[in-house]
Each structure stands twice: as structure tokens, then as C-alpha cells.
Amino acid sequence: MKRTFSYKITEEDAGKTIEVFLLEHEYTPTCIKFLKKAENLITVNGIWEFVNKKLKENDILETVFLDDGSSENIPSVEMPLDIVYEDEDILVLNKPANLPIHPTKGYEYTSLANGVVHYYEKQGIPFVFRSINRIDKNTTGLVIVAKNMLSGSILGESMRNREIRRTYLAVTEGELPEKGTIDLPIGRREGSAVERCIDENGAKAVTHYERLYYANGHSLAQIRLETGRTHQIRLHMRAIGHPLPADVLYNMNFEVIDRHALHSWKLEFPHPITKEMLFFEQKLPEDMKQIFAGTVEWKKV
């Protein structure tokens, strides 16, 4: 994947070094180090320059990010992809259930990353897979993938600064309170490489929820994450007595669905390059809808 960024230097930026200018435009030290490693990745008026070069008004500064090869250890595998949005810098997909984001043991050839690498391979484009928001294998819904190093580093910082607003839909057992906030720390369960638990010595974890609907002994909840701990929603809902059904780690009840009932519903965030606010939404998948089938006042989402 190749991406070129071009900047016309204003009077305000004249006199700054290239390095200072790039740092002010959200380039991380890692991005700048990458640009310094080869000729012609940083040019001024078409001439390759070092980052200590001082810029003049009306100079044209260009940077080039180039992936020489695709992600190591991610085989290219053809699979259907539900692409919600794509531009030069980001790819937004709607991920189905039973598909991990990255290859894992037992899923070396059946991950979202395998399919995305193949999607670009078909176009003759080397691609490094950079997932920004990670959701569990059996969680459905929206996932952001950065298409170059710069957009990836900026979106990573946006995630750390909580500028990516993530809203989920979850089905829980029982009648959930109308709304609330769960503030319980999460840590690793001793003796397990996968499970997490509520742990007073763990990392801070905050979940905001609102019940949208209740029927058939289950609630549909809108959930917004303030933090993004592993298994946060699943653990927090269980902690207040309303676990998600069919959760193979925390609630082995498969009466109404065969995977944990969680969906990445909405994403809102500033575009990493243009800063335009983007908003995406994906409807509740059919297997979660069926839990409320036959009810009179089903709220469609």
C-alpha cells in the first residue's frame, strides 16, 4: 500500500524544520523514523531532504508511506468481506460471528486479517493489516482497519484518548435496570491465558448501559465503553447479574443463541487525516433479533 501526503508550507510554518512540522501534524517518532530509512520518502519541491531541513513559505513538502510487503504470518485467503466504507486511509468492515480479527491457533487461515490481505492482493497491492478496534471472535459488527502507518498511528492515539466513540448492542439475561454505569476493575484470571475476572487490583474499566427493550426473559441493551478492557462488557454484565447468553467463558447457556449476544453497533470518530467526523452504524444481526421474535413491541435497531 502506497500513500503520499502533500503540504504547502504557509508563512506561519516557514522556518520550522521538517521534523518539527511533521510532529505538529501528528506524525509519531516511529513514522518519522520510517520516513528517514530510505531515499525520496521525504521531499521538498521534489528533492529528497533530511528532517533537519528548514522549510520556506510556499514549499511543497511530501511524505510517502510504502508497505514493501504484506503482513508476515497472515496468509492470503479469499473470503467474503462486508465493506462498509473505504478511502485512501481507512477501511471499515462489518465482521460476522465466528471470525477472529487476527489469525490464532486453529484459525490460521480463517480470520478477518486473512480476507483483507487477500482483498488487496487481488488488486496487486501489498498490505500490512492494522486493526484499530478489536472485537472478540463471536462479537459481530464494525471494525476499523488503517490502510497506512500514519492513519494507523493517529487512530491508535485517538483510541487511547477515547476519541473513538464505540456503542454496542448486547442481549442480557433478565430485565436489566433502565440505565446505569458499571465501574469495576478487570484483571487476568489466575491460571488462565484467556479468561478475565473482576479484580480490585486490575485495570480500571467503566461501562455505561441503557436498556432499550425487554421481552422473552431477555433485555436488549445499548452499551457505551469508556474503557476498552478485554471481555469488559461480558464481565460487567455478569457482575450485575445479567450475563450475556451463550458466553463460552462466562455463561454456558445456549438456549436462545449459539454465540455470545454482542454486536459492535455504532462507531463515531474523527477521520485521521481530514478530521471530518465519521459515523457508522450496523443493524442488529438476525440471530440476536430472533431472541425477541414474536413480541408485539419489538424495537427495531
Protein backbone atom coordinates (compact mmCIF):
# COMPACT_ATOMS: atom_id res chain seq x y z
CA MET A 1 0.00 0.00 0.00
CA LYS A 2 1.41 3.37 -1.02
CA ARG A 3 0.12 6.69 0.32
CA THR A 4 1.54 10.15 -0.41
CA PHE A 5 0.78 13.21 1.72
CA SER A 6 1.41 16.73 0.40
CA TYR A 7 1.61 20.01 2.35
CA LYS A 8 2.02 23.58 1.07
CA ILE A 9 4.04 25.49 3.65
CA THR A 10 2.40 28.65 4.95
CA GLU A 11 4.04 31.78 6.31
CA GLU A 12 3.21 30.53 9.82
CA ASP A 13 5.19 27.30 9.30
CA ALA A 14 8.13 28.86 7.46
CA GLY A 15 11.37 28.42 9.38
CA LYS A 16 10.36 25.17 11.03
CA THR A 17 12.36 22.05 10.36
CA ILE A 18 10.67 19.20 8.54
CA GLU A 19 10.77 17.14 11.74
CA VAL A 20 9.05 19.83 13.82
CA PHE A 21 6.41 20.34 11.12
CA LEU A 22 5.66 16.61 10.92
CA LEU A 23 5.46 16.23 14.71
CA GLU A 24 2.94 19.09 14.77
CA HIS A 25 0.89 17.20 12.16
CA GLU A 26 0.57 14.09 14.36
CA TYR A 27 3.45 12.11 12.88
CA THR A 28 4.85 9.90 15.62
CA PRO A 29 8.59 9.39 16.09
CA THR A 30 8.06 5.90 14.67
CA CYS A 31 6.53 7.35 11.49
CA ILE A 32 9.40 9.82 11.11
CA LYS A 33 11.97 7.06 11.67
CA PHE A 34 10.29 5.05 8.88
CA LEU A 35 10.43 8.03 6.51
CA LYS A 36 14.13 8.56 7.23
CA LYS A 37 15.12 5.00 6.36
CA ALA A 38 15.07 5.37 2.56
CA GLU A 39 15.58 7.98 -0.13
CA ASN A 40 12.69 10.03 -1.52
CA LEU A 41 10.22 9.27 1.27
CA ILE A 42 10.54 12.93 2.34
CA THR A 43 10.87 15.52 -0.42
CA VAL A 44 10.66 19.31 -0.63
CA ASN A 45 9.77 20.65 -4.07
CA GLY A 46 10.58 17.22 -5.46
CA ILE A 47 14.04 16.99 -3.88
CA TRP A 48 14.87 14.41 -1.20
CA GLU A 49 15.69 16.15 2.09
CA PHE A 50 16.70 15.32 5.65
CA VAL A 51 14.37 16.12 8.53
CA ASN A 52 16.58 18.97 9.82
CA LYS A 53 15.93 20.94 6.63
CA LYS A 54 14.20 24.28 7.35
CA LEU A 55 11.06 24.94 5.36
CA LYS A 56 10.25 28.13 3.42
CA GLU A 57 6.86 29.64 2.62
CA ASN A 58 5.23 28.01 -0.45
CA ASP A 59 7.49 24.95 -0.28
CA ILE A 60 5.72 21.70 -1.17
CA LEU A 61 6.57 19.03 1.38
CA GLU A 62 5.66 15.46 0.51
CA THR A 63 5.91 12.27 2.53
CA VAL A 64 5.44 8.74 1.19
CA PHE A 65 4.39 5.71 3.22
CA LEU A 66 5.03 2.48 1.38
CA ASP A 67 4.40 -1.09 2.52
CA ASP A 68 7.02 -3.16 0.70
CA GLY A 69 5.24 -6.41 1.53
CA SER A 70 2.12 -7.77 3.18
CA SER A 71 1.84 -8.68 6.85
CA GLU A 72 4.10 -11.54 7.82
CA ASN A 73 2.34 -14.63 9.21
CA ILE A 74 -1.02 -13.64 7.67
CA PRO A 75 -1.72 -15.92 4.70
CA SER A 76 -3.89 -14.51 1.93
CA VAL A 77 -7.27 -16.29 1.94
CA GLU A 78 -10.24 -15.42 -0.22
CA MET A 79 -13.44 -14.82 1.75
CA PRO A 80 -16.48 -12.55 1.51
CA LEU A 81 -15.96 -9.15 3.12
CA ASP A 82 -18.78 -6.80 4.12
CA ILE A 83 -17.10 -3.45 3.41
CA VAL A 84 -19.00 -0.54 4.91
CA TYR A 85 -16.59 2.25 3.91
CA GLU A 86 -13.20 2.67 2.24
CA ASP A 87 -10.97 5.58 1.30
CA GLU A 88 -7.21 6.09 0.95
CA ASP A 89 -6.62 5.88 4.69
CA ILE A 90 -9.19 3.63 6.36
CA LEU A 91 -11.33 0.57 5.79
CA VAL A 92 -14.47 -0.08 7.87
CA LEU A 93 -15.94 -3.59 7.82
CA ASN A 94 -18.93 -5.38 9.30
CA LYS A 95 -17.47 -8.54 10.85
CA PRO A 96 -19.59 -11.71 11.13
CA ALA A 97 -19.60 -14.10 14.08
CA ASN A 98 -17.08 -16.96 14.38
CA LEU A 99 -14.33 -14.93 12.75
CA PRO A 100 -11.38 -13.65 14.79
CA ILE A 101 -9.72 -10.37 13.86
CA HIS A 102 -6.22 -11.87 13.68
CA PRO A 103 -5.06 -15.43 12.96
CA THR A 104 -4.88 -17.53 16.10
CA LYS A 105 -4.25 -21.19 16.87
CA GLY A 106 -6.91 -23.13 14.99
CA TYR A 107 -7.81 -20.06 12.91
CA GLU A 108 -4.57 -19.54 11.00
CA TYR A 109 -6.47 -19.26 7.70
CA THR A 110 -9.88 -18.03 8.88
CA SER A 111 -9.51 -14.53 10.29
CA LEU A 112 -10.62 -11.12 9.09
CA ALA A 113 -6.96 -10.27 8.50
CA ASN A 114 -6.59 -13.18 6.04
CA GLY A 115 -9.52 -11.89 4.00
CA VAL A 116 -8.37 -8.26 3.98
CA VAL A 117 -4.84 -9.21 2.89
CA HIS A 118 -6.37 -11.23 0.02
CA TYR A 119 -8.69 -8.34 -0.94
CA TYR A 120 -5.67 -6.13 -1.60
CA GLU A 121 -3.55 -8.93 -3.06
CA LYS A 122 -6.18 -9.31 -5.80
CA GLN A 123 -5.57 -5.64 -6.61
CA GLY A 124 -1.80 -6.17 -6.69
CA ILE A 125 -1.32 -4.10 -3.52
CA PRO A 126 0.95 -5.20 -0.65
CA PHE A 127 -0.92 -4.63 2.60
CA VAL A 128 0.02 -4.54 6.28
CA PHE A 129 -3.02 -5.30 8.44
CA ARG A 130 -3.56 -2.67 11.16
CA SER A 131 -6.75 -3.20 13.14
CA ILE A 132 -7.75 -0.27 15.36
CA ASN A 133 -10.70 -1.55 17.42
CA ARG A 134 -10.54 -5.24 18.22
CA ILE A 135 -13.63 -7.28 18.94
CA ASP A 136 -13.95 -10.91 20.03
CA LYS A 137 -14.29 -13.76 17.56
CA ASN A 138 -18.01 -14.15 18.21
CA THR A 139 -18.82 -10.45 18.52
CA THR A 140 -20.30 -9.10 15.30
CA GLY A 141 -20.17 -5.62 13.83
CA LEU A 142 -17.99 -2.68 12.96
CA VAL A 143 -14.19 -2.85 12.79
CA ILE A 144 -11.76 -0.11 11.67
CA VAL A 145 -8.62 -1.04 9.73
CA ALA A 146 -5.93 1.58 8.98
CA LYS A 147 -4.51 1.44 5.46
CA ASN A 148 -1.17 3.13 6.15
CA MET A 149 1.24 3.76 9.00
CA LEU A 150 0.23 7.39 9.52
CA SER A 151 -3.52 6.76 9.72
CA GLY A 152 -2.81 3.79 11.98
CA SER A 153 -0.71 5.82 14.42
CA ILE A 154 -3.21 8.70 14.53
CA LEU A 155 -6.18 6.36 15.05
CA GLY A 156 -4.25 4.47 17.71
CA GLU A 157 -3.77 7.74 19.58
CA SER A 158 -7.46 8.57 19.06
CA MET A 159 -8.34 5.26 20.69
CA ARG A 160 -6.06 5.95 23.65
CA ASN A 161 -7.56 9.44 24.02
CA ARG A 162 -11.12 7.99 23.87
CA GLU A 163 -11.92 9.96 20.73
CA ILE A 164 -13.37 6.86 19.04
CA ARG A 165 -16.87 6.52 20.43
CA ARG A 166 -17.93 2.86 20.44
CA THR A 167 -21.51 1.77 21.07
CA TYR A 168 -22.56 -1.87 21.30
CA LEU A 169 -25.82 -3.78 21.43
CA ALA A 170 -25.97 -6.68 23.85
CA VAL A 171 -28.65 -9.15 24.82
CA THR A 172 -28.59 -9.95 28.52
CA GLU A 173 -30.50 -12.44 30.62
CA GLY A 174 -33.30 -10.99 32.78
CA GLU A 175 -34.72 -7.49 32.99
CA LEU A 176 -31.80 -5.09 33.06
CA PRO A 177 -32.22 -1.83 35.05
CA GLU A 178 -33.28 1.09 32.84
CA LYS A 179 -29.78 2.56 32.79
CA GLY A 180 -26.58 2.62 34.79
CA THR A 181 -22.80 2.71 34.95
CA ILE A 182 -20.57 -0.18 35.98
CA ASP A 183 -17.16 0.78 37.36
CA LEU A 184 -15.34 -2.44 38.23
CA PRO A 185 -11.64 -3.16 37.55
CA ILE A 186 -10.70 -6.13 35.39
CA GLY A 187 -7.65 -8.38 35.56
CA ARG A 188 -6.47 -11.74 34.28
CA ARG A 189 -7.87 -14.83 35.95
CA GLU A 190 -5.03 -16.69 37.64
CA GLY A 191 -4.10 -19.86 35.79
CA SER A 192 -5.85 -18.88 32.53
CA ALA A 193 -4.35 -17.30 29.43
CA VAL A 194 -7.79 -16.29 28.13
CA GLU A 195 -10.22 -15.57 30.97
CA ARG A 196 -10.51 -12.28 32.80
CA CYS A 197 -12.21 -11.51 36.11
CA ILE A 198 -13.33 -8.64 38.30
CA ASP A 199 -10.19 -7.84 40.27
CA GLU A 200 -9.74 -4.96 42.70
CA ASN A 201 -6.08 -4.83 41.64
CA GLY A 202 -6.92 -4.90 37.93
CA ALA A 203 -7.17 -2.16 35.31
CA LYS A 204 -9.94 0.43 35.60
CA ALA A 205 -12.97 -0.49 33.49
CA VAL A 206 -16.12 1.63 33.04
CA THR A 207 -19.25 0.60 31.10
CA HIS A 208 -22.38 2.72 30.55
CA TYR A 209 -25.59 0.89 29.63
CA GLU A 210 -29.21 1.65 28.81
CA ARG A 211 -32.00 -0.90 28.41
CA LEU A 212 -33.76 -0.46 25.05
CA TYR A 213 -36.19 -3.36 25.22
CA TYR A 214 -37.26 -6.28 27.41
CA ALA A 215 -39.17 -9.39 26.32
CA ASN A 216 -38.93 -13.18 26.43
CA GLY A 217 -36.87 -13.01 29.59
CA HIS A 218 -34.09 -11.02 27.94
CA SER A 219 -33.07 -7.38 27.66
CA LEU A 220 -31.60 -5.55 24.69
CA ALA A 221 -29.06 -3.03 25.94
CA GLN A 222 -27.20 -0.16 24.35
CA ILE A 223 -23.69 -0.13 25.81
CA ARG A 224 -21.00 2.52 25.56
CA LEU A 225 -17.46 1.78 26.62
CA GLU A 226 -15.46 4.39 28.45
CA THR A 227 -12.51 1.99 28.60
CA GLY A 228 -11.71 -0.99 26.42
CA ARG A 229 -10.64 -3.94 28.55
CA THR A 230 -10.68 -7.48 27.23
CA HIS A 231 -14.15 -9.06 27.73
CA GLN A 232 -15.29 -5.88 29.51
CA ILE A 233 -18.98 -5.97 28.53
CA ARG A 234 -19.28 -9.70 29.12
CA LEU A 235 -17.74 -9.48 32.60
CA HIS A 236 -19.55 -6.32 33.66
CA MET A 237 -22.98 -7.61 32.65
CA ARG A 238 -22.36 -10.83 34.53
CA ALA A 239 -21.16 -8.89 37.56
CA ILE A 240 -24.55 -7.15 37.91
CA GLY A 241 -26.47 -10.40 37.47
CA HIS A 242 -27.35 -10.06 33.78
CA PRO A 243 -24.86 -12.14 31.77
CA LEU A 244 -24.91 -12.47 28.02
CA PRO A 245 -26.37 -15.81 26.88
CA ALA A 246 -24.11 -18.33 25.12
CA ASP A 247 -20.89 -16.93 26.53
CA VAL A 248 -18.50 -19.88 26.42
CA LEU A 249 -16.25 -18.36 29.08
CA TYR A 250 -18.69 -16.76 31.50
CA ASN A 251 -22.22 -18.13 30.95
CA MET A 252 -22.73 -21.50 29.25
CA ASN A 253 -26.41 -21.06 28.41
CA PHE A 254 -27.16 -21.81 24.76
CA GLU A 255 -30.97 -21.91 24.88
CA VAL A 256 -31.62 -18.81 22.72
CA ILE A 257 -28.44 -18.29 20.65
CA ASP A 258 -25.24 -20.19 19.85
CA ARG A 259 -22.70 -17.38 20.41
CA HIS A 260 -22.43 -14.58 22.93
CA ALA A 261 -25.01 -11.96 22.01
CA LEU A 262 -22.86 -8.89 21.41
CA HIS A 263 -22.73 -6.56 18.40
CA SER A 264 -20.43 -3.60 17.60
CA TRP A 265 -23.30 -1.30 16.58
CA LYS A 266 -22.00 2.26 16.11
CA LEU A 267 -18.65 3.96 15.63
CA GLU A 268 -18.06 7.72 15.64
CA PHE A 269 -14.59 9.22 15.27
CA PRO A 270 -12.60 11.96 13.50
CA HIS A 271 -11.03 10.89 10.23
CA PRO A 272 -7.29 10.51 10.90
CA ILE A 273 -6.27 12.77 8.02
CA THR A 274 -9.17 15.07 7.09
CA LYS A 275 -10.52 15.35 10.69
CA GLU A 276 -14.07 15.08 9.35
CA MET A 277 -16.34 13.37 11.88
CA LEU A 278 -17.37 9.94 10.60
CA PHE A 279 -20.36 7.92 11.80
CA PHE A 280 -21.14 4.28 11.01
CA GLU A 281 -23.96 2.01 12.15
CA GLN A 282 -24.81 -1.64 11.50
CA LYS A 283 -28.21 -3.14 12.34
CA LEU A 284 -28.68 -5.89 14.89
CA PRO A 285 -27.85 -9.28 13.30
CA GLU A 286 -30.61 -11.81 12.75
CA ASP A 287 -29.55 -14.29 15.44
CA MET A 288 -29.86 -11.58 18.11
CA LYS A 289 -33.17 -10.36 16.68
CA GLN A 290 -34.62 -13.87 16.92
CA ILE A 291 -34.33 -13.79 20.72
CA PHE A 292 -37.18 -11.25 20.68
CA ALA A 293 -39.15 -12.79 17.81
CA GLY A 294 -42.93 -12.78 18.22
CA THR A 295 -43.05 -9.89 20.70
CA VAL A 296 -45.53 -7.14 19.94
CA GLU A 297 -43.47 -4.02 20.59
CA TRP A 298 -40.13 -5.10 19.15
CA LYS A 299 -37.89 -2.02 18.89
CA LYS A 300 -36.07 -2.32 15.60
CA VAL A 301 -32.37 -1.41 15.65
